N, C-alpha and C. Protein backbone atom coordinates (compact mmCIF):
# COMPACT_ATOMS: atom_id res chain seq x y z
N MET A 1 -34.77 -44.67 8.72
CA MET A 1 -33.62 -44.78 8.16
C MET A 1 -33.06 -46.13 7.75
N SER A 2 -32.90 -46.16 6.31
CA SER A 2 -33.29 -47.78 5.34
C SER A 2 -31.95 -48.37 5.81
N GLY A 3 -30.95 -49.20 5.91
CA GLY A 3 -29.43 -49.52 6.36
C GLY A 3 -28.74 -48.80 4.73
N ALA A 4 -29.43 -48.70 3.63
CA ALA A 4 -28.90 -48.30 2.19
C ALA A 4 -28.63 -47.61 2.14
N ASP A 5 -29.15 -46.12 2.91
CA ASP A 5 -28.76 -44.02 3.46
C ASP A 5 -27.33 -44.70 4.14
N TRP A 6 -26.93 -45.31 4.91
CA TRP A 6 -25.73 -45.27 5.68
C TRP A 6 -24.22 -45.03 4.78
N PRO A 7 -24.14 -45.80 3.88
CA PRO A 7 -22.41 -45.73 3.03
C PRO A 7 -22.89 -44.93 2.73
N VAL A 8 -23.38 -44.37 1.75
CA VAL A 8 -24.01 -42.99 1.25
C VAL A 8 -23.23 -41.20 2.63
N LYS A 9 -24.15 -41.35 3.70
CA LYS A 9 -23.53 -41.05 4.27
C LYS A 9 -22.31 -40.47 5.37
N ASN A 10 -22.16 -42.02 5.41
CA ASN A 10 -20.76 -42.21 6.12
C ASN A 10 -19.62 -41.46 4.93
N THR A 11 -20.13 -41.49 3.67
CA THR A 11 -18.77 -41.52 2.29
C THR A 11 -18.43 -40.24 2.63
N ALA A 12 -19.99 -39.01 2.42
CA ALA A 12 -19.90 -38.10 2.67
C ALA A 12 -19.37 -37.27 3.77
N GLU A 13 -19.69 -37.71 4.87
CA GLU A 13 -18.61 -37.27 6.44
C GLU A 13 -17.27 -37.77 6.15
N ASN A 14 -16.85 -38.53 5.82
CA ASN A 14 -15.81 -39.31 5.79
C ASN A 14 -15.12 -38.74 4.57
N ARG A 15 -15.14 -37.79 3.39
CA ARG A 15 -14.69 -37.02 2.37
C ARG A 15 -14.37 -35.21 3.47
N LYS A 16 -15.35 -35.03 4.10
CA LYS A 16 -15.55 -33.65 4.39
C LYS A 16 -14.35 -33.77 4.95
N GLU A 17 -14.49 -35.05 6.64
CA GLU A 17 -13.27 -35.12 7.62
C GLU A 17 -12.06 -35.58 6.70
N LYS A 18 -11.57 -35.70 5.60
CA LYS A 18 -10.21 -36.37 5.38
C LYS A 18 -10.68 -34.61 4.07
N GLU A 19 -11.16 -33.90 3.95
CA GLU A 19 -10.55 -32.60 3.43
C GLU A 19 -10.35 -31.30 4.14
N ASN A 20 -11.03 -31.87 6.09
CA ASN A 20 -9.95 -30.78 6.99
C ASN A 20 -9.20 -31.34 7.17
N ARG A 21 -8.73 -32.75 7.77
CA ARG A 21 -7.60 -32.77 8.09
C ARG A 21 -6.66 -32.89 7.04
N GLU A 22 -6.65 -32.60 6.02
CA GLU A 22 -5.72 -32.42 5.10
C GLU A 22 -5.13 -30.45 4.81
N GLU A 23 -6.32 -29.63 5.46
CA GLU A 23 -6.82 -28.17 5.19
C GLU A 23 -5.80 -27.94 6.89
N ARG A 24 -6.33 -28.23 7.96
CA ARG A 24 -5.53 -28.40 8.84
C ARG A 24 -4.08 -28.52 9.25
N PRO A 25 -3.70 -29.10 8.63
CA PRO A 25 -1.86 -29.11 8.81
C PRO A 25 -1.63 -28.30 7.44
N ALA A 26 -1.69 -27.57 6.60
CA ALA A 26 -1.50 -26.56 5.40
C ALA A 26 -0.89 -25.58 6.23
N TYR A 27 -2.62 -24.97 7.22
CA TYR A 27 -2.73 -23.97 8.08
C TYR A 27 -2.09 -23.64 9.14
N PHE A 28 -1.43 -24.88 9.80
CA PHE A 28 -1.05 -25.41 10.96
C PHE A 28 0.98 -24.66 10.29
N GLN A 29 0.81 -25.49 9.34
CA GLN A 29 2.31 -24.81 9.20
C GLN A 29 2.96 -23.47 8.28
N GLU A 30 1.97 -23.09 7.67
CA GLU A 30 2.10 -21.45 7.24
C GLU A 30 1.76 -21.05 8.66
N ALA A 31 1.15 -21.61 9.66
CA ALA A 31 1.46 -19.88 11.31
C ALA A 31 2.67 -20.58 11.21
N LEU A 32 2.80 -21.69 12.05
CA LEU A 32 4.47 -21.92 12.33
C LEU A 32 5.36 -20.99 11.79
N ALA A 33 5.53 -21.42 10.30
CA ALA A 33 6.35 -20.63 9.30
C ALA A 33 6.66 -19.47 9.52
N ASP A 34 5.23 -18.20 9.44
CA ASP A 34 5.44 -17.48 9.83
C ASP A 34 5.74 -16.63 11.50
N PHE A 35 5.40 -17.57 12.09
CA PHE A 35 6.34 -17.77 13.59
C PHE A 35 7.55 -17.62 13.39
N LEU A 36 8.16 -18.56 12.92
CA LEU A 36 9.29 -18.60 13.09
C LEU A 36 10.38 -17.41 12.60
N HIS A 37 9.67 -17.16 11.72
CA HIS A 37 10.33 -15.96 10.74
C HIS A 37 10.46 -14.63 11.35
N ASP A 38 9.16 -14.87 12.10
CA ASP A 38 8.96 -13.47 12.45
C ASP A 38 9.62 -13.64 14.35
N ALA A 39 10.00 -14.44 14.58
CA ALA A 39 10.91 -14.59 15.89
C ALA A 39 12.71 -14.58 15.40
N ALA A 40 12.97 -14.60 14.07
CA ALA A 40 14.29 -14.50 13.46
C ALA A 40 14.66 -13.52 12.36
N SER A 41 13.59 -12.88 12.36
CA SER A 41 13.57 -11.35 11.16
C SER A 41 13.18 -10.85 12.18
N GLY A 42 11.62 -10.58 12.41
CA GLY A 42 11.04 -9.88 12.43
C GLY A 42 11.50 -8.20 12.95
N ASP A 43 11.80 -8.27 13.87
CA ASP A 43 12.66 -7.33 15.09
C ASP A 43 13.46 -6.44 14.08
N ALA A 44 14.46 -6.93 13.40
CA ALA A 44 15.69 -6.62 11.95
C ALA A 44 14.72 -6.06 11.41
N VAL A 45 13.67 -6.86 10.55
CA VAL A 45 12.83 -6.18 9.58
C VAL A 45 12.08 -4.82 9.74
N ARG A 46 11.63 -4.89 11.33
CA ARG A 46 10.42 -3.67 11.55
C ARG A 46 12.04 -2.64 11.63
N HIS A 47 13.25 -2.90 12.67
CA HIS A 47 14.29 -1.66 12.62
C HIS A 47 14.62 -1.54 11.27
N LEU A 48 15.27 -1.93 10.23
CA LEU A 48 15.61 -1.81 8.97
C LEU A 48 14.52 -0.67 8.30
N LEU A 49 13.24 -1.21 8.13
CA LEU A 49 12.43 -0.09 7.81
C LEU A 49 12.16 0.96 8.52
N GLU A 50 12.55 1.63 9.95
CA GLU A 50 11.91 2.06 10.43
C GLU A 50 13.38 3.59 9.81
N LEU A 51 14.47 3.12 10.02
CA LEU A 51 15.41 3.33 9.34
C LEU A 51 15.38 4.03 7.47
N GLY A 52 14.70 3.35 7.40
CA GLY A 52 14.08 3.77 5.47
C GLY A 52 14.76 2.70 5.07
N TYR A 53 15.66 1.57 5.38
CA TYR A 53 15.63 0.80 4.56
C TYR A 53 14.28 0.31 3.25
N THR A 54 14.31 0.25 2.39
CA THR A 54 13.09 -0.75 1.49
C THR A 54 13.63 -2.39 1.43
N THR A 55 12.65 -3.09 0.94
CA THR A 55 12.68 -4.31 0.87
C THR A 55 13.51 -5.16 0.25
N ASN A 56 14.23 -4.87 -1.13
CA ASN A 56 15.68 -5.24 -1.02
C ASN A 56 16.45 -4.66 -0.17
N ALA A 57 16.85 -3.75 0.11
CA ALA A 57 17.94 -3.58 0.92
C ALA A 57 17.81 -4.28 2.32
N ILE A 58 16.45 -4.16 2.60
CA ILE A 58 16.25 -5.30 4.30
C ILE A 58 16.67 -6.91 3.79
N MET A 59 16.33 -6.91 2.88
CA MET A 59 17.07 -8.73 2.67
C MET A 59 18.30 -8.89 2.10
N GLU A 60 18.91 -7.74 1.75
CA GLU A 60 20.40 -8.40 1.63
C GLU A 60 21.18 -7.99 3.60
N ARG A 61 20.46 -7.54 4.24
CA ARG A 61 21.09 -7.17 5.66
C ARG A 61 20.65 -8.00 6.29
N LEU A 62 19.41 -9.35 5.77
CA LEU A 62 19.22 -9.79 7.39
C LEU A 62 20.20 -11.75 7.39
N ASP A 63 20.12 -11.59 8.99
CA ASP A 63 20.93 -13.06 9.32
C ASP A 63 21.20 -13.85 8.71
N PHE A 64 19.39 -14.51 9.39
CA PHE A 64 18.52 -15.52 8.94
C PHE A 64 17.86 -15.35 7.41
N PRO A 65 18.10 -16.66 6.74
CA PRO A 65 17.15 -16.10 4.81
C PRO A 65 16.28 -16.71 5.09
N THR A 66 15.45 -15.38 4.55
CA THR A 66 13.61 -15.42 4.91
C THR A 66 13.33 -15.12 3.59
N PRO A 67 12.35 -15.93 3.20
CA PRO A 67 11.43 -15.51 1.59
C PRO A 67 11.20 -14.09 1.47
N ARG A 68 11.21 -13.88 0.07
CA ARG A 68 11.01 -12.03 0.49
C ARG A 68 9.60 -12.12 0.35
N GLU A 69 9.23 -13.15 -0.16
CA GLU A 69 7.51 -13.31 0.94
C GLU A 69 7.09 -12.91 1.84
N ARG A 70 8.12 -13.30 2.84
CA ARG A 70 7.70 -12.89 3.73
C ARG A 70 8.17 -11.98 4.55
N VAL A 71 9.55 -11.95 3.95
CA VAL A 71 9.94 -10.31 4.21
C VAL A 71 8.78 -9.71 4.21
N GLU A 72 8.20 -9.63 2.85
CA GLU A 72 7.11 -8.52 2.16
C GLU A 72 6.14 -8.30 3.06
N LYS A 73 5.68 -9.61 3.72
CA LYS A 73 4.08 -9.60 4.42
C LYS A 73 4.69 -8.95 5.77
N MET A 74 5.87 -9.17 6.35
CA MET A 74 6.11 -8.34 7.65
C MET A 74 6.57 -6.83 7.51
N VAL A 75 7.13 -6.52 5.79
CA VAL A 75 7.50 -5.05 5.94
C VAL A 75 5.79 -4.54 5.79
N TYR A 76 4.91 -5.45 5.21
CA TYR A 76 3.40 -4.86 5.06
C TYR A 76 2.87 -4.44 6.52
N ARG A 77 2.92 -5.68 7.54
CA ARG A 77 1.98 -5.21 8.96
C ARG A 77 2.74 -4.32 9.48
N SER A 78 3.92 -3.68 9.27
CA SER A 78 5.21 -3.36 10.54
C SER A 78 3.91 -1.54 9.90
N LEU A 79 4.09 -1.02 8.92
CA LEU A 79 3.40 -0.26 7.82
C LEU A 79 2.57 0.17 8.32
N VAL A 80 1.13 -1.01 8.37
CA VAL A 80 0.00 -1.05 9.11
C VAL A 80 -0.03 -0.76 10.21
N GLU A 81 0.90 -1.55 10.80
CA GLU A 81 1.01 -1.02 13.00
C GLU A 81 1.11 -0.28 13.00
N ARG A 82 2.41 0.66 12.37
CA ARG A 82 2.64 1.95 12.17
C ARG A 82 1.49 2.90 11.94
N GLY A 83 0.77 2.85 11.80
CA GLY A 83 -0.30 4.00 11.10
C GLY A 83 0.16 4.60 9.53
N VAL A 84 1.29 4.05 9.11
CA VAL A 84 2.15 4.36 7.54
C VAL A 84 0.96 4.04 6.66
N LEU A 85 0.46 3.10 6.98
CA LEU A 85 -0.68 2.60 5.30
C LEU A 85 -1.13 1.99 6.04
N LEU A 86 -2.61 2.34 5.77
CA LEU A 86 -4.06 2.69 5.92
C LEU A 86 -4.42 1.81 5.30
N GLU A 87 -5.50 1.14 5.46
CA GLU A 87 -6.47 0.42 4.68
C GLU A 87 -7.97 0.69 4.64
N GLU A 88 -7.94 1.78 5.82
CA GLU A 88 -9.37 2.88 4.88
C GLU A 88 -9.06 3.98 6.22
N LEU A 89 -9.94 4.95 5.10
CA LEU A 89 -9.45 6.33 6.34
C LEU A 89 -10.16 6.29 7.90
N PRO A 90 -9.48 7.33 8.15
CA PRO A 90 -10.08 7.89 9.55
C PRO A 90 -11.46 8.00 9.50
N LEU A 91 -12.14 8.70 8.07
CA LEU A 91 -13.03 9.24 7.98
C LEU A 91 -13.65 8.60 6.94
N PRO A 92 -15.06 8.86 6.86
CA PRO A 92 -15.83 8.07 5.45
C PRO A 92 -15.66 8.97 4.28
N GLU A 93 -15.16 8.80 2.72
CA GLU A 93 -15.09 9.31 2.20
C GLU A 93 -15.61 10.77 1.67
N GLU A 94 -16.91 10.62 1.98
CA GLU A 94 -17.69 11.83 1.70
C GLU A 94 -17.51 12.48 3.21
N ALA A 95 -16.84 12.29 3.60
CA ALA A 95 -16.94 13.75 4.84
C ALA A 95 -16.09 14.51 4.38
N PHE A 96 -15.57 14.49 3.61
CA PHE A 96 -14.20 15.32 3.08
C PHE A 96 -14.73 15.66 1.69
N ARG A 97 -14.17 17.74 1.95
CA ARG A 97 -14.89 18.30 1.28
C ARG A 97 -14.01 18.52 -0.01
N ALA A 98 -14.37 18.13 -1.22
CA ALA A 98 -13.24 18.26 -2.52
C ALA A 98 -12.87 19.52 -2.83
N VAL A 99 -11.39 19.34 -2.72
CA VAL A 99 -10.98 20.85 -3.49
C VAL A 99 -10.12 20.15 -5.20
N PRO A 100 -10.23 20.71 -5.79
CA PRO A 100 -9.00 20.74 -6.65
C PRO A 100 -8.49 21.44 -6.76
N PHE A 101 -7.48 21.05 -7.49
CA PHE A 101 -5.78 21.32 -7.30
C PHE A 101 -5.97 22.73 -8.29
N ARG A 102 -6.15 23.99 -8.43
CA ARG A 102 -5.86 24.15 -9.61
C ARG A 102 -4.66 25.15 -10.25
N ALA A 103 -3.95 24.05 -10.98
CA ALA A 103 -3.12 24.34 -11.81
C ALA A 103 -2.51 23.91 -13.23
N ALA A 104 -2.21 23.75 -14.31
CA ALA A 104 -2.27 23.57 -15.43
C ALA A 104 -0.85 22.21 -15.98
N ARG A 105 -1.12 21.16 -15.88
CA ARG A 105 0.14 20.65 -15.42
C ARG A 105 1.17 21.12 -17.36
N ALA A 106 0.84 21.83 -18.24
CA ALA A 106 1.84 22.70 -19.03
C ALA A 106 2.40 23.87 -18.32
N ASP A 107 2.27 24.10 -17.20
CA ASP A 107 3.12 24.95 -16.30
C ASP A 107 4.43 24.19 -15.97
N ARG A 108 5.25 25.03 -16.06
CA ARG A 108 6.78 24.25 -15.74
C ARG A 108 7.26 23.57 -14.29
N SER A 109 5.82 24.33 -13.31
CA SER A 109 6.00 25.02 -12.19
C SER A 109 5.10 24.49 -11.24
N PHE A 110 3.94 23.07 -11.91
CA PHE A 110 3.28 22.28 -11.53
C PHE A 110 3.99 21.71 -10.50
N HIS A 111 4.67 20.84 -10.44
CA HIS A 111 5.08 19.85 -9.78
C HIS A 111 5.36 20.80 -8.61
N ALA A 112 6.44 21.61 -8.85
CA ALA A 112 6.38 22.76 -7.36
C ALA A 112 5.13 23.64 -6.69
N GLN A 113 4.50 23.79 -7.05
CA GLN A 113 3.59 23.98 -6.83
C GLN A 113 2.98 22.80 -5.83
N LEU A 114 2.18 22.00 -6.47
CA LEU A 114 1.84 20.78 -6.08
C LEU A 114 2.51 19.83 -4.50
N TYR A 115 4.18 20.39 -4.72
CA TYR A 115 4.61 19.98 -3.28
C TYR A 115 4.30 20.83 -2.65
N ARG A 116 4.64 22.27 -2.62
CA ARG A 116 3.67 23.27 -1.70
C ARG A 116 3.00 23.18 -1.19
N THR A 117 2.00 23.02 -2.22
CA THR A 117 0.84 22.98 -1.53
C THR A 117 -0.10 22.07 -0.73
N LEU A 118 0.70 20.64 -0.91
CA LEU A 118 0.57 19.50 -0.04
C LEU A 118 1.32 19.81 1.59
N ARG A 119 2.42 20.59 1.36
CA ARG A 119 3.68 20.30 2.34
C ARG A 119 2.82 21.60 2.99
N GLU A 120 2.09 22.30 2.97
CA GLU A 120 1.29 23.66 3.24
C GLU A 120 0.21 23.25 4.46
N ARG A 121 -0.62 21.66 3.57
CA ARG A 121 -1.17 21.01 3.89
C ARG A 121 -0.63 20.26 5.19
N ILE A 122 0.44 19.75 4.97
CA ILE A 122 0.37 18.94 6.17
C ILE A 122 0.89 19.23 7.38
N GLN A 123 1.68 20.98 7.25
CA GLN A 123 1.64 21.53 8.43
C GLN A 123 0.75 22.23 9.29
N ILE A 124 -0.54 22.33 8.40
CA ILE A 124 -1.49 22.34 9.21
C ILE A 124 -2.03 20.86 10.08
N ASN A 125 -2.56 20.06 8.82
CA ASN A 125 -3.53 18.82 9.66
C ASN A 125 -1.95 18.12 10.62
N GLY A 126 -1.10 17.82 10.16
CA GLY A 126 -0.21 17.22 10.77
C GLY A 126 0.04 15.61 9.93
N GLU A 127 1.34 15.39 9.99
CA GLU A 127 1.72 14.31 9.38
C GLU A 127 0.12 12.39 9.32
N GLU A 128 0.26 12.75 10.63
CA GLU A 128 -0.08 11.66 11.12
C GLU A 128 -2.27 11.30 10.71
N ASN A 129 -2.08 13.15 9.51
CA ASN A 129 -3.86 13.36 9.49
C ASN A 129 -3.78 13.54 7.91
N SER A 130 -2.78 13.04 7.39
CA SER A 130 -2.53 13.06 5.97
C SER A 130 -1.97 12.40 5.18
N CYS A 131 -2.54 11.93 3.98
CA CYS A 131 -2.27 10.62 3.62
C CYS A 131 -2.77 10.89 1.79
N ALA A 132 -2.37 9.93 1.13
CA ALA A 132 -2.42 9.83 -0.26
C ALA A 132 -2.76 8.38 -0.96
N ALA A 133 -4.21 8.88 -0.96
CA ALA A 133 -4.81 7.55 -1.60
C ALA A 133 -3.53 6.80 -3.09
N CYS A 134 -3.70 5.12 -2.69
CA CYS A 134 -2.95 4.43 -3.86
C CYS A 134 -3.14 3.94 -4.53
N PRO A 135 -3.10 4.02 -5.67
CA PRO A 135 -3.47 3.34 -6.59
C PRO A 135 -2.65 1.70 -7.24
N PHE A 136 -1.32 1.14 -6.38
CA PHE A 136 -0.68 0.26 -7.10
C PHE A 136 -1.54 -1.02 -6.58
N GLY A 137 -1.88 -1.17 -6.10
CA GLY A 137 -2.86 -2.73 -5.38
C GLY A 137 -4.02 -2.66 -6.31
N MET A 138 -4.56 -1.44 -7.29
CA MET A 138 -5.19 -1.96 -8.31
C MET A 138 -4.61 -2.77 -9.77
N ILE A 139 -3.12 -2.61 -10.41
CA ILE A 139 -2.75 -2.77 -10.71
C ILE A 139 -1.85 -4.13 -10.81
N ARG A 140 -2.42 -5.26 -11.50
CA ARG A 140 -1.35 -6.38 -11.63
C ARG A 140 -0.05 -6.09 -11.34
N ARG A 141 0.62 -7.48 -10.86
CA ARG A 141 2.24 -7.21 -10.88
C ARG A 141 2.87 -7.38 -12.40
N ASP A 142 1.69 -8.69 -12.67
CA ASP A 142 2.37 -8.85 -14.10
C ASP A 142 2.35 -7.41 -15.27
N ARG A 143 2.14 -6.60 -15.19
CA ARG A 143 1.55 -5.41 -16.07
C ARG A 143 2.65 -4.41 -15.29
N GLU A 144 3.99 -4.96 -16.70
CA GLU A 144 5.05 -4.28 -15.56
C GLU A 144 4.77 -2.90 -16.81
N ALA A 145 4.78 -3.26 -17.94
CA ALA A 145 4.81 -1.49 -18.78
C ALA A 145 4.31 -0.34 -17.98
N ARG A 146 2.96 -0.81 -17.51
CA ARG A 146 2.33 0.21 -16.86
C ARG A 146 2.51 0.58 -15.52
N LEU A 147 3.28 -0.36 -14.81
CA LEU A 147 3.65 0.21 -13.45
C LEU A 147 4.83 1.01 -13.80
N ALA A 148 5.59 0.96 -14.62
CA ALA A 148 7.05 1.01 -14.98
C ALA A 148 6.65 2.50 -15.57
N ALA A 149 5.40 3.26 -16.52
CA ALA A 149 5.01 3.91 -16.66
C ALA A 149 5.14 5.21 -16.19
N LEU A 150 4.32 4.50 -14.10
CA LEU A 150 4.13 5.22 -13.83
C LEU A 150 4.69 5.60 -12.33
N THR A 151 5.77 4.37 -12.25
CA THR A 151 7.28 5.14 -11.73
C THR A 151 8.68 5.56 -12.30
N ALA A 152 8.12 6.10 -13.63
CA ALA A 152 8.86 6.35 -14.24
C ALA A 152 10.05 7.54 -13.58
N CYS A 153 9.21 8.91 -12.84
CA CYS A 153 9.67 10.32 -12.60
C CYS A 153 10.22 9.89 -11.16
N LEU A 154 10.61 8.49 -10.34
CA LEU A 154 10.91 8.33 -9.85
C LEU A 154 12.47 7.66 -9.50
N THR A 155 12.89 8.33 -8.69
CA THR A 155 14.48 7.94 -8.07
C THR A 155 14.69 5.85 -8.08
N ALA A 156 15.67 5.85 -8.38
CA ALA A 156 15.74 3.85 -8.21
C ALA A 156 15.09 3.55 -6.70
N LYS A 157 15.73 4.38 -5.83
CA LYS A 157 15.64 3.98 -4.51
C LYS A 157 13.71 3.79 -4.52
N GLU A 158 13.04 5.18 -4.60
CA GLU A 158 11.67 5.88 -4.39
C GLU A 158 10.66 4.04 -4.96
N ARG A 159 11.28 3.96 -6.43
CA ARG A 159 10.14 2.65 -7.11
C ARG A 159 10.80 1.47 -6.00
N ASP A 160 12.23 1.47 -5.94
CA ASP A 160 12.28 0.15 -4.62
C ASP A 160 11.11 0.40 -3.50
N TYR A 161 11.47 1.46 -2.72
CA TYR A 161 10.39 1.14 -1.94
C TYR A 161 8.57 0.76 -2.08
N LEU A 162 8.41 1.80 -3.31
CA LEU A 162 6.99 1.58 -3.78
C LEU A 162 6.73 -0.17 -3.96
N LEU A 163 7.29 -0.88 -4.71
CA LEU A 163 7.55 -2.61 -5.34
C LEU A 163 7.63 -3.05 -4.35
N GLY A 164 8.22 -2.63 -2.98
CA GLY A 164 8.73 -3.71 -2.07
C GLY A 164 7.48 -3.73 -1.15
N ILE A 165 6.59 -2.88 -1.42
CA ILE A 165 5.17 -3.35 -0.53
C ILE A 165 4.49 -4.26 -1.12
N PRO A 166 4.32 -5.18 -0.68
CA PRO A 166 2.61 -6.00 -1.12
C PRO A 166 1.41 -5.38 -1.31
N TRP A 167 0.82 -4.44 -1.68
CA TRP A 167 -0.08 -3.73 -1.99
C TRP A 167 -1.66 -4.59 -2.76
N LYS A 168 -2.38 -4.66 -1.32
CA LYS A 168 -3.59 -5.51 -1.52
C LYS A 168 -4.51 -4.87 -2.57
N PRO A 169 -5.47 -5.57 -3.27
CA PRO A 169 -5.95 -5.24 -4.42
C PRO A 169 -7.00 -4.27 -4.03
N GLN A 170 -7.02 -3.34 -3.10
CA GLN A 170 -7.68 -2.85 -2.81
C GLN A 170 -7.63 -1.36 -2.50
N PRO A 171 -8.69 -0.56 -2.23
CA PRO A 171 -8.01 1.02 -1.90
C PRO A 171 -6.78 1.13 -0.65
N LEU A 172 -5.67 1.77 -0.91
CA LEU A 172 -5.06 2.08 0.52
C LEU A 172 -4.40 3.08 0.19
N TYR A 173 -4.13 4.00 1.52
CA TYR A 173 -3.83 5.00 1.37
C TYR A 173 -2.43 5.39 2.71
N HIS A 174 -1.08 6.27 1.93
CA HIS A 174 0.07 6.39 2.53
C HIS A 174 -0.14 7.63 3.29
N ARG A 175 0.45 7.04 4.55
CA ARG A 175 0.68 9.26 6.08
C ARG A 175 2.07 9.45 4.20
N LEU A 176 1.10 11.03 4.56
CA LEU A 176 1.90 11.73 3.85
C LEU A 176 3.35 12.41 4.37
N ASP A 177 4.46 10.95 4.67
CA ASP A 177 5.81 11.22 5.29
C ASP A 177 6.81 12.43 4.23
N ASP A 178 8.08 12.29 4.91
CA ASP A 178 8.48 12.95 4.30
C ASP A 178 8.80 12.39 2.32
N ARG A 179 9.10 10.62 2.69
CA ARG A 179 9.10 10.01 1.15
C ARG A 179 8.10 9.85 0.36
N MET A 180 7.20 9.43 1.37
CA MET A 180 5.74 9.43 0.26
C MET A 180 5.39 10.58 -0.07
N LEU A 181 5.86 12.40 0.42
CA LEU A 181 5.46 13.42 0.08
C LEU A 181 6.49 13.59 -1.75
N GLU A 182 7.24 12.99 -1.83
CA GLU A 182 7.88 13.02 -2.61
C GLU A 182 7.67 12.31 -3.54
N ILE A 183 7.32 11.48 -3.18
CA ILE A 183 7.21 10.39 -4.35
C ILE A 183 5.80 10.32 -5.41
N ALA A 184 4.88 11.02 -4.17
CA ALA A 184 3.15 11.12 -4.86
C ALA A 184 2.88 12.37 -5.50
N SER A 185 3.80 13.39 -4.78
CA SER A 185 4.18 14.92 -5.21
C SER A 185 4.85 14.41 -6.83
N CYS A 186 5.91 13.87 -7.32
CA CYS A 186 6.22 13.38 -8.53
C CYS A 186 5.01 12.94 -9.66
N MET A 187 5.16 11.97 -8.97
CA MET A 187 3.65 10.67 -9.63
C MET A 187 2.67 11.89 -9.85
N ALA A 188 2.11 12.28 -9.41
CA ALA A 188 0.74 13.08 -9.58
C ALA A 188 0.87 14.23 -10.91
N SER A 189 2.12 14.60 -10.73
CA SER A 189 2.28 15.44 -11.11
C SER A 189 2.70 15.23 -12.96
N GLN A 190 2.85 13.90 -12.92
CA GLN A 190 2.92 13.38 -14.70
C GLN A 190 1.44 13.31 -15.05
N PRO A 191 1.26 13.14 -16.43
CA PRO A 191 0.35 13.77 -17.86
C PRO A 191 -0.88 12.33 -17.59
N GLY A 192 -2.06 12.82 -17.46
CA GLY A 192 -2.92 11.76 -16.94
C GLY A 192 -3.07 11.07 -15.90
N GLN A 193 -2.42 11.72 -15.12
CA GLN A 193 -2.49 10.73 -13.20
C GLN A 193 -3.74 11.64 -12.64
N SER A 194 -4.31 10.79 -12.07
CA SER A 194 -5.34 11.83 -11.38
C SER A 194 -5.03 10.78 -9.80
N TRP A 195 -4.41 12.47 -8.71
CA TRP A 195 -4.65 11.40 -7.24
C TRP A 195 -6.11 12.10 -5.98
N LYS A 196 -5.50 11.67 -5.29
CA LYS A 196 -6.55 12.31 -4.19
C LYS A 196 -5.65 12.41 -2.87
N PHE A 197 -5.11 13.19 -2.05
CA PHE A 197 -4.60 13.93 -0.93
C PHE A 197 -6.21 14.20 0.35
N PHE A 198 -5.91 12.92 1.05
CA PHE A 198 -6.93 13.22 2.26
C PHE A 198 -6.18 14.37 3.88
N PHE A 199 -6.98 15.11 3.85
CA PHE A 199 -6.29 16.04 5.20
C PHE A 199 -7.75 16.13 6.01
N ALA A 200 -7.33 14.68 7.31
CA ALA A 200 -8.36 14.90 7.77
C ALA A 200 -8.98 15.63 9.25
N LYS A 201 -7.96 16.74 9.64
CA LYS A 201 -7.93 18.01 10.66
C LYS A 201 -8.90 19.12 9.85
N GLN A 202 -8.84 19.49 8.17
CA GLN A 202 -9.60 19.57 7.58
C GLN A 202 -10.41 19.71 7.08
N LYS A 203 -10.87 18.02 7.12
CA LYS A 203 -11.99 17.33 6.52
C LYS A 203 -12.02 17.73 4.57
N GLU A 204 -10.53 17.32 4.18
CA GLU A 204 -10.91 18.08 2.69
C GLU A 204 -9.74 17.18 2.12
N VAL A 205 -10.47 16.85 0.39
CA VAL A 205 -9.41 15.86 0.03
C VAL A 205 -9.16 16.82 -1.48
N LEU A 206 -7.76 16.91 -1.72
CA LEU A 206 -7.40 17.52 -2.56
C LEU A 206 -7.05 16.58 -3.60
N LEU A 207 -7.94 17.55 -5.11
CA LEU A 207 -7.94 16.45 -6.07
C LEU A 207 -7.45 16.65 -7.36
N VAL A 208 -6.01 15.89 -7.50
CA VAL A 208 -5.24 16.34 -8.84
C VAL A 208 -5.67 15.69 -10.11
N GLU A 209 -6.63 15.51 -10.86
CA GLU A 209 -7.36 15.51 -11.87
C GLU A 209 -6.39 15.05 -13.03
N ALA A 210 -6.52 14.16 -13.75
CA ALA A 210 -5.75 14.33 -14.83
C ALA A 210 -5.90 14.89 -16.06
N ALA A 211 -7.56 16.05 -16.11
CA ALA A 211 -7.72 16.71 -16.41
C ALA A 211 -7.15 18.44 -16.42
N ALA A 212 -5.72 18.17 -15.31
CA ALA A 212 -5.15 19.69 -15.08
C ALA A 212 -4.60 19.71 -16.31
N GLU A 213 -4.21 18.66 -17.42
CA GLU A 213 -3.32 19.28 -18.16
C GLU A 213 -3.44 20.98 -19.25
N SER A 214 -5.35 20.63 -19.31
CA SER A 214 -5.83 21.68 -20.04
C SER A 214 -6.82 23.20 -19.22
N ARG A 215 -6.19 23.07 -17.99
CA ARG A 215 -6.57 23.28 -17.18
C ARG A 215 -5.71 24.82 -16.62
N ALA A 216 -6.03 26.43 -16.83
CA ALA A 216 -5.60 27.43 -16.24
C ALA A 216 -5.32 27.85 -15.04
N ASP A 217 -4.72 28.15 -15.02
CA ASP A 217 -4.29 28.67 -12.87
C ASP A 217 -5.75 29.33 -12.53
N GLY A 218 -5.94 28.98 -11.20
CA GLY A 218 -7.39 29.85 -10.68
C GLY A 218 -7.65 29.82 -9.35
């Protein structure tokens, strides 16, 4: 190797080493900040969340000032750890038998029929084996009009709960607990909405299709 090669190699190596040194402090600072905020507020966030508080309500009750972004991260992590929020189904989706929900949205009792059907299936499968596919992470946060339309049928507290979860831009599934049963059955009853409800014990997925507006009971 000629002497002329050395400066070029050293320059490239030095640049890479400098970039690595710059990245490491930022990473460790972020990790340290997460640790400190979790130590100061983590238990309180998890406790309030289990009591049914939304992200906004949790922030109002924290003694230690914690940025909303970090509270949302703690909320998300707690929901995943408790099995309330699932990043993947317990079985591959193709393992579930598709069962269309046979009702027409023009029927005034559509919501009541859907709610009753979901409740019956939850009783058979158990809440821990029942979940709804949630589309919220696939909608950009800056599309307020679409989010407002999707959540228009909800109460302020239900809407606050949904928007307080930092939904990832990927398929996510929420356990059909009492709160989500109310939310999902209401939203799935709105015109133009398509929803999937998974029941692992029966290995069935209940399909509520947008085309249900024109489908007769069957």
